[in-house]
C-alpha atoms as a PDB file:
ATOM      1  CA  MET A   1     -77.234  23.131 -30.164  1.00  0.00           C
ATOM      2  CA  THR A   2     -79.656  20.269 -29.812  1.00  0.00           C
ATOM      3  CA  ARG A   3     -83.081  19.431 -31.122  1.00  0.00           C
ATOM      4  CA  ALA A   4     -84.235  17.623 -28.033  1.00  0.00           C
ATOM      5  CA  GLN A   5     -87.918  16.754 -27.955  1.00  0.00           C
ATOM      6  CA  THR A   6     -88.124  16.728 -24.162  1.00  0.00           C
ATOM      7  CA  ALA A   7     -86.414  18.410 -21.238  1.00  0.00           C
ATOM      8  CA  GLU A   8     -84.838  15.063 -20.333  1.00  0.00           C
ATOM      9  CA  GLU A   9     -83.353  14.677 -23.826  1.00  0.00           C
ATOM     10  CA  LEU A  10     -81.952  18.206 -23.596  1.00  0.00           C
ATOM     11  CA  ARG A  11     -80.463  17.506 -20.164  1.00  0.00           C
ATOM     12  CA  THR A  12     -78.890  14.267 -21.411  1.00  0.00           C
ATOM     13  CA  ALA A  13     -77.379  15.939 -24.484  1.00  0.00           C
ATOM     14  CA  ILE A  14     -75.910  18.836 -22.530  1.00  0.00           C
ATOM     15  CA  THR A  15     -74.663  16.616 -19.706  1.00  0.00           C
ATOM     16  CA  GLY A  16     -72.911  14.319 -22.179  1.00  0.00           C
ATOM     17  CA  ARG A  17     -71.050  17.177 -23.842  1.00  0.00           C
ATOM     18  CA  VAL A  18     -70.076  18.720 -20.503  1.00  0.00           C
ATOM     19  CA  ASN A  19     -68.829  15.328 -19.276  1.00  0.00           C
ATOM     20  CA  ALA A  20     -66.711  14.938 -22.422  1.00  0.00           C
ATOM     21  CA  LEU A  21     -65.062  18.291 -21.702  1.00  0.00           C
ATOM     22  CA  ASP A  22     -64.657  17.390 -18.021  1.00  0.00           C
ATOM     23  CA  ASN A  23     -62.881  14.157 -18.984  1.00  0.00           C
ATOM     24  CA  VAL A  24     -60.394  15.928 -21.238  1.00  0.00           C
ATOM     25  CA  HIS A  25     -59.721  18.603 -18.614  1.00  0.00           C
ATOM     26  CA  ARG A  26     -58.839  15.859 -16.122  1.00  0.00           C
ATOM     27  CA  LEU A  27     -56.202  14.691 -18.605  1.00  0.00           C
ATOM     28  CA  PHE A  28     -54.871  18.250 -18.837  1.00  0.00           C
ATOM     29  CA  VAL A  29     -54.444  18.349 -15.055  1.00  0.00           C
ATOM     30  CA  GLN A  30     -52.528  15.052 -15.145  1.00  0.00           C
ATOM     31  CA  ALA A  31     -50.232  16.461 -17.858  1.00  0.00           C
ATOM     32  CA  ASN A  32     -49.725  19.848 -16.154  1.00  0.00           C
ATOM     33  CA  TRP A  33     -51.961  21.510 -18.766  1.00  0.00           C
ATOM     34  CA  SER A  34     -49.600  20.608 -21.621  1.00  0.00           C
ATOM     35  CA  GLY A  35     -52.215  18.552 -23.487  1.00  0.00           C
ATOM     36  CA  ALA A  36     -53.708  15.064 -23.507  1.00  0.00           C
ATOM     37  CA  ASP A  37     -52.585  11.661 -24.691  1.00  0.00           C
ATOM     38  CA  LEU A  38     -54.840  10.638 -27.589  1.00  0.00           C
ATOM     39  CA  ARG A  39     -55.117   6.953 -26.624  1.00  0.00           C
ATOM     40  CA  THR A  40     -56.097   7.833 -23.043  1.00  0.00           C
ATOM     41  CA  LEU A  41     -58.624  10.398 -24.279  1.00  0.00           C
ATOM     42  CA  ILE A  42     -60.259   7.884 -26.654  1.00  0.00           C
ATOM     43  CA  ALA A  43     -60.283   5.098 -24.055  1.00  0.00           C
ATOM     44  CA  GLY A  44     -61.990   7.437 -21.589  1.00  0.00           C
ATOM     45  CA  GLU A  45     -64.676   8.476 -24.048  1.00  0.00           C
ATOM     46  CA  LEU A  46     -65.408   4.877 -25.023  1.00  0.00           C
ATOM     47  CA  ALA A  47     -65.241   3.417 -21.496  1.00  0.00           C
ATOM     48  CA  PRO A  48     -69.018   3.483 -20.870  1.00  0.00           C
ATOM     49  CA  TYR A  49     -69.610   1.581 -24.103  1.00  0.00           C
ATOM     50  CA  ARG A  50     -66.839  -0.977 -23.576  1.00  0.00           C
ATOM     51  CA  GLN A  51     -68.211  -2.243 -20.260  1.00  0.00           C
ATOM     52  CA  ARG A  52     -70.694  -4.611 -21.865  1.00  0.00           C
ATOM     53  CA  GLU A  53     -69.442  -7.927 -23.218  1.00  0.00           C
ATOM     54  CA  ASP A  54     -71.643  -7.673 -26.310  1.00  0.00           C
ATOM     55  CA  ARG A  55     -69.877  -4.508 -27.482  1.00  0.00           C
ATOM     56  CA  ASN A  56     -66.321  -4.063 -28.572  1.00  0.00           C
ATOM     57  CA  ALA A  57     -64.054  -1.126 -29.232  1.00  0.00           C
ATOM     58  CA  THR A  58     -60.529  -1.520 -30.546  1.00  0.00           C
ATOM     59  CA  LEU A  59     -57.944   1.232 -30.402  1.00  0.00           C
ATOM     60  CA  SER A  60     -54.673   1.546 -32.301  1.00  0.00           C
ATOM     61  CA  ASP A  61     -51.336   2.059 -30.568  1.00  0.00           C
ATOM     62  CA  PRO A  62     -49.281   5.089 -31.600  1.00  0.00           C
ATOM     63  CA  ASP A  63     -48.702   7.650 -28.871  1.00  0.00           C
ATOM     64  CA  ILE A  64     -49.771  11.141 -29.864  1.00  0.00           C
ATOM     65  CA  MET A  65     -49.914  14.056 -27.448  1.00  0.00           C
ATOM     66  CA  LEU A  66     -52.583  16.580 -28.416  1.00  0.00           C
ATOM     67  CA  ALA A  67     -52.476  20.264 -27.580  1.00  0.00           C
ATOM     68  CA  PRO A  68     -55.355  21.381 -25.330  1.00  0.00           C
ATOM     69  CA  ASN A  69     -57.510  22.953 -28.091  1.00  0.00           C
ATOM     70  CA  THR A  70     -57.129  19.915 -30.329  1.00  0.00           C
ATOM     71  CA  ALA A  71     -57.817  17.543 -27.448  1.00  0.00           C
ATOM     72  CA  GLN A  72     -61.053  19.379 -26.598  1.00  0.00           C
ATOM     73  CA  ALA A  73     -62.198  19.125 -30.217  1.00  0.00           C
ATOM     74  CA  VAL A  74     -61.363  15.409 -30.347  1.00  0.00           C
ATOM     75  CA  SER A  75     -63.187  14.811 -27.071  1.00  0.00           C
ATOM     76  CA  LEU A  76     -66.408  16.384 -28.336  1.00  0.00           C
ATOM     77  CA  ILE A  77     -66.166  14.639 -31.716  1.00  0.00           C
ATOM     78  CA  LEU A  78     -65.695  11.253 -30.045  1.00  0.00           C
ATOM     79  CA  HIS A  79     -68.586  11.963 -27.711  1.00  0.00           C
ATOM     80  CA  GLU A  80     -70.865  12.703 -30.677  1.00  0.00           C
ATOM     81  CA  LEU A  81     -69.701   9.601 -32.583  1.00  0.00           C
ATOM     82  CA  ALA A  82     -70.144   7.327 -29.557  1.00  0.00           C
ATOM     83  CA  THR A  83     -73.580   8.787 -28.771  1.00  0.00           C
ATOM     84  CA  ASN A  84     -74.644   8.233 -32.374  1.00  0.00           C
ATOM     85  CA  ALA A  85     -73.297   4.658 -32.281  1.00  0.00           C
ATOM     86  CA  ALA A  86     -75.264   3.990 -29.079  1.00  0.00           C
ATOM     87  CA  LYS A  87     -78.499   5.374 -30.534  1.00  0.00           C
ATOM     88  CA  TYR A  88     -78.347   4.122 -34.115  1.00  0.00           C
ATOM     89  CA  GLY A  89     -75.107   2.307 -34.869  1.00  0.00           C
ATOM     90  CA  ALA A  90     -72.681  -0.353 -33.707  1.00  0.00           C
ATOM     91  CA  PHE A  91     -73.138   0.190 -29.966  1.00  0.00           C
ATOM     92  CA  SER A  92     -76.916  -0.211 -30.292  1.00  0.00           C
ATOM     93  CA  ALA A  93     -76.712  -3.891 -31.287  1.00  0.00           C
ATOM     94  CA  PHE A  94     -75.427  -7.106 -29.780  1.00  0.00           C
ATOM     95  CA  GLY A  95     -72.011  -7.802 -31.280  1.00  0.00           C
ATOM     96  CA  GLY A  96     -71.533  -4.281 -32.623  1.00  0.00           C
ATOM     97  CA  HIS A  97     -67.992  -2.997 -32.681  1.00  0.00           C
ATOM     98  CA  VAL A  98     -66.021   0.169 -33.272  1.00  0.00           C
ATOM     99  CA  ARG A  99     -62.412   0.424 -34.338  1.00  0.00           C
ATOM    100  CA  VAL A 100     -60.598   3.712 -33.759  1.00  0.00           C
ATOM    101  CA  ASP A 101     -57.289   4.129 -35.556  1.00  0.00           C
ATOM    102  CA  TRP A 102     -55.022   7.120 -35.776  1.00  0.00           C
ATOM    103  CA  VAL A 103     -51.793   8.028 -37.467  1.00  0.00           C
ATOM    104  CA  ARG A 104     -49.639  11.066 -37.785  1.00  0.00           C
ATOM    105  CA  ARG A 105     -49.158  12.012 -41.430  1.00  0.00           C
ATOM    106  CA  ASP A 106     -45.722  12.918 -42.791  1.00  0.00           C
ATOM    107  CA  ASP A 107     -46.548  16.587 -42.184  1.00  0.00           C
ATOM    108  CA  GLY A 108     -47.268  15.812 -38.511  1.00  0.00           C
ATOM    109  CA  VAL A 109     -51.055  16.189 -38.719  1.00  0.00           C
ATOM    110  CA  PRO A 110     -53.010  13.579 -36.714  1.00  0.00           C
ATOM    111  CA  VAL A 111     -55.711  11.708 -38.657  1.00  0.00           C
ATOM    112  CA  LEU A 112     -58.338   9.687 -36.785  1.00  0.00           C
ATOM    113  CA  ARG A 113     -60.584   7.015 -38.270  1.00  0.00           C
ATOM    114  CA  TRP A 114     -63.787   5.809 -36.560  1.00  0.00           C
ATOM    115  CA  ASP A 115     -65.035   2.575 -38.154  1.00  0.00           C
ATOM    116  CA  GLU A 116     -68.281   0.896 -37.039  1.00  0.00           C
ATOM    117  CA  GLY A 117     -69.509  -2.573 -37.874  1.00  0.00           C
ATOM    118  CA  GLY A 118     -71.823  -5.280 -36.604  1.00  0.00           C
ATOM    119  CA  GLY A 119     -74.694  -2.911 -35.903  1.00  0.00           C
ATOM    120  CA  PRO A 120     -77.943  -2.310 -37.734  1.00  0.00           C
ATOM    121  CA  ALA A 121     -77.804  -1.402 -41.423  1.00  0.00           C
ATOM    122  CA  VAL A 122     -76.886   2.246 -41.826  1.00  0.00           C
ATOM    123  CA  MET A 123     -78.359   4.717 -44.256  1.00  0.00           C
ATOM    124  CA  PRO A 124     -77.233   8.288 -44.836  1.00  0.00           C
ATOM    125  CA  PRO A 125     -79.267  10.672 -42.684  1.00  0.00           C
ATOM    126  CA  ALA A 126     -82.037  12.670 -44.313  1.00  0.00           C
ATOM    127  CA  ARG A 127     -80.681  15.875 -42.745  1.00  0.00           C
ATOM    128  CA  ARG A 128     -77.550  17.110 -41.006  1.00  0.00           C
ATOM    129  CA  GLY A 129     -78.197  16.645 -37.324  1.00  0.00           C
ATOM    130  CA  VAL A 130     -76.869  18.613 -34.393  1.00  0.00           C
ATOM    131  CA  GLY A 131     -74.124  16.065 -33.732  1.00  0.00           C
ATOM    132  CA  THR A 132     -72.831  16.356 -37.287  1.00  0.00           C
ATOM    133  CA  ARG A 133     -72.841  20.131 -37.063  1.00  0.00           C
ATOM    134  CA  VAL A 134     -70.994  20.032 -33.718  1.00  0.00           C
ATOM    135  CA  MET A 135     -68.320  17.761 -35.200  1.00  0.00           C
ATOM    136  CA  GLU A 136     -67.930  19.868 -38.330  1.00  0.00           C
ATOM    137  CA  SER A 137     -67.692  23.003 -36.213  1.00  0.00           C
ATOM    138  CA  MET A 138     -64.971  21.470 -34.041  1.00  0.00           C
ATOM    139  CA  VAL A 139     -62.923  20.251 -37.000  1.00  0.00           C
ATOM    140  CA  HIS A 140     -63.342  23.200 -39.360  1.00  0.00           C
ATOM    141  CA  GLY A 141     -63.685  26.059 -36.923  1.00  0.00           C
ATOM    142  CA  GLN A 142     -61.515  25.186 -33.948  1.00  0.00           C
ATOM    143  CA  ALA A 143     -58.864  22.947 -35.519  1.00  0.00           C
ATOM    144  CA  ASN A 144     -58.947  24.040 -39.185  1.00  0.00           C
ATOM    145  CA  GLY A 145     -59.069  20.396 -40.243  1.00  0.00           C
ATOM    146  CA  THR A 146     -61.112  18.099 -42.432  1.00  0.00           C
ATOM    147  CA  ILE A 147     -63.858  15.582 -41.694  1.00  0.00           C
ATOM    148  CA  ARG A 148     -65.516  12.981 -43.901  1.00  0.00           C
ATOM    149  CA  PHE A 149     -68.539  10.772 -43.174  1.00  0.00           C
ATOM    150  CA  ASP A 150     -69.258   7.557 -45.069  1.00  0.00           C
ATOM    151  CA  TRP A 151     -72.580   5.988 -44.079  1.00  0.00           C
ATOM    152  CA  ARG A 152     -71.892   2.480 -45.391  1.00  0.00           C
ATOM    153  CA  PRO A 153     -74.555  -0.210 -44.922  1.00  0.00           C
ATOM    154  CA  GLU A 154     -72.243  -2.060 -42.485  1.00  0.00           C
ATOM    155  CA  GLY A 155     -71.650   1.027 -40.345  1.00  0.00           C
ATOM    156  CA  LEU A 156     -70.452   4.603 -40.187  1.00  0.00           C
ATOM    157  CA  LEU A 157     -66.902   5.399 -41.196  1.00  0.00           C
ATOM    158  CA  CYS A 158     -65.718   8.837 -40.102  1.00  0.00           C
ATOM    159  CA  GLU A 159     -62.249  10.167 -40.773  1.00  0.00           C
ATOM    160  CA  PHE A 160     -60.992  13.519 -39.570  1.00  0.00           C
ATOM    161  CA  SER A 161     -57.720  15.408 -39.417  1.00  0.00           C
ATOM    162  CA  LEU A 162     -56.672  18.028 -36.913  1.00  0.00           C
ATOM    163  CA  PRO A 163     -53.676  20.122 -37.978  1.00  0.00           C
ATOM    164  CA  VAL A 164     -53.101  21.684 -34.550  1.00  0.00           C
ATOM    165  CA  ALA A 165     -51.509  19.011 -32.345  1.00  0.00           C
END
């Protein structure tokens, strides 16, 4: 599911998605296959982007344990958001930052919010890319949730809910 222009771009896209799944499966092993801690999952996905001093990622605090299927969906969604931020958004610019917040609604459903700022001006894409389709597929198909994208000039805001936790 990628529109890579070269073999190297295809390899990079596939490797990134496989690595995201590998990371979440490592968390499953640590938790005896019962699920994955959301904060640990997010920190792992953002680790490569947080190593540079000119980039920043802030995470919120509540502990939420995700069931394996939900954790896999979150892992792939975060991978797509981080890859997009590195190519076009907050992680592509000096001083760019991402804030990831999450809460559990009164009905128990986790809601995550990805909020970029400090990067280049953002415009809505001309077409739905592969990353957007992957995220929508994960949220709608696998987790029966909702996802919303807001391409604000200051950065992408993405909010999604995942009923199965």
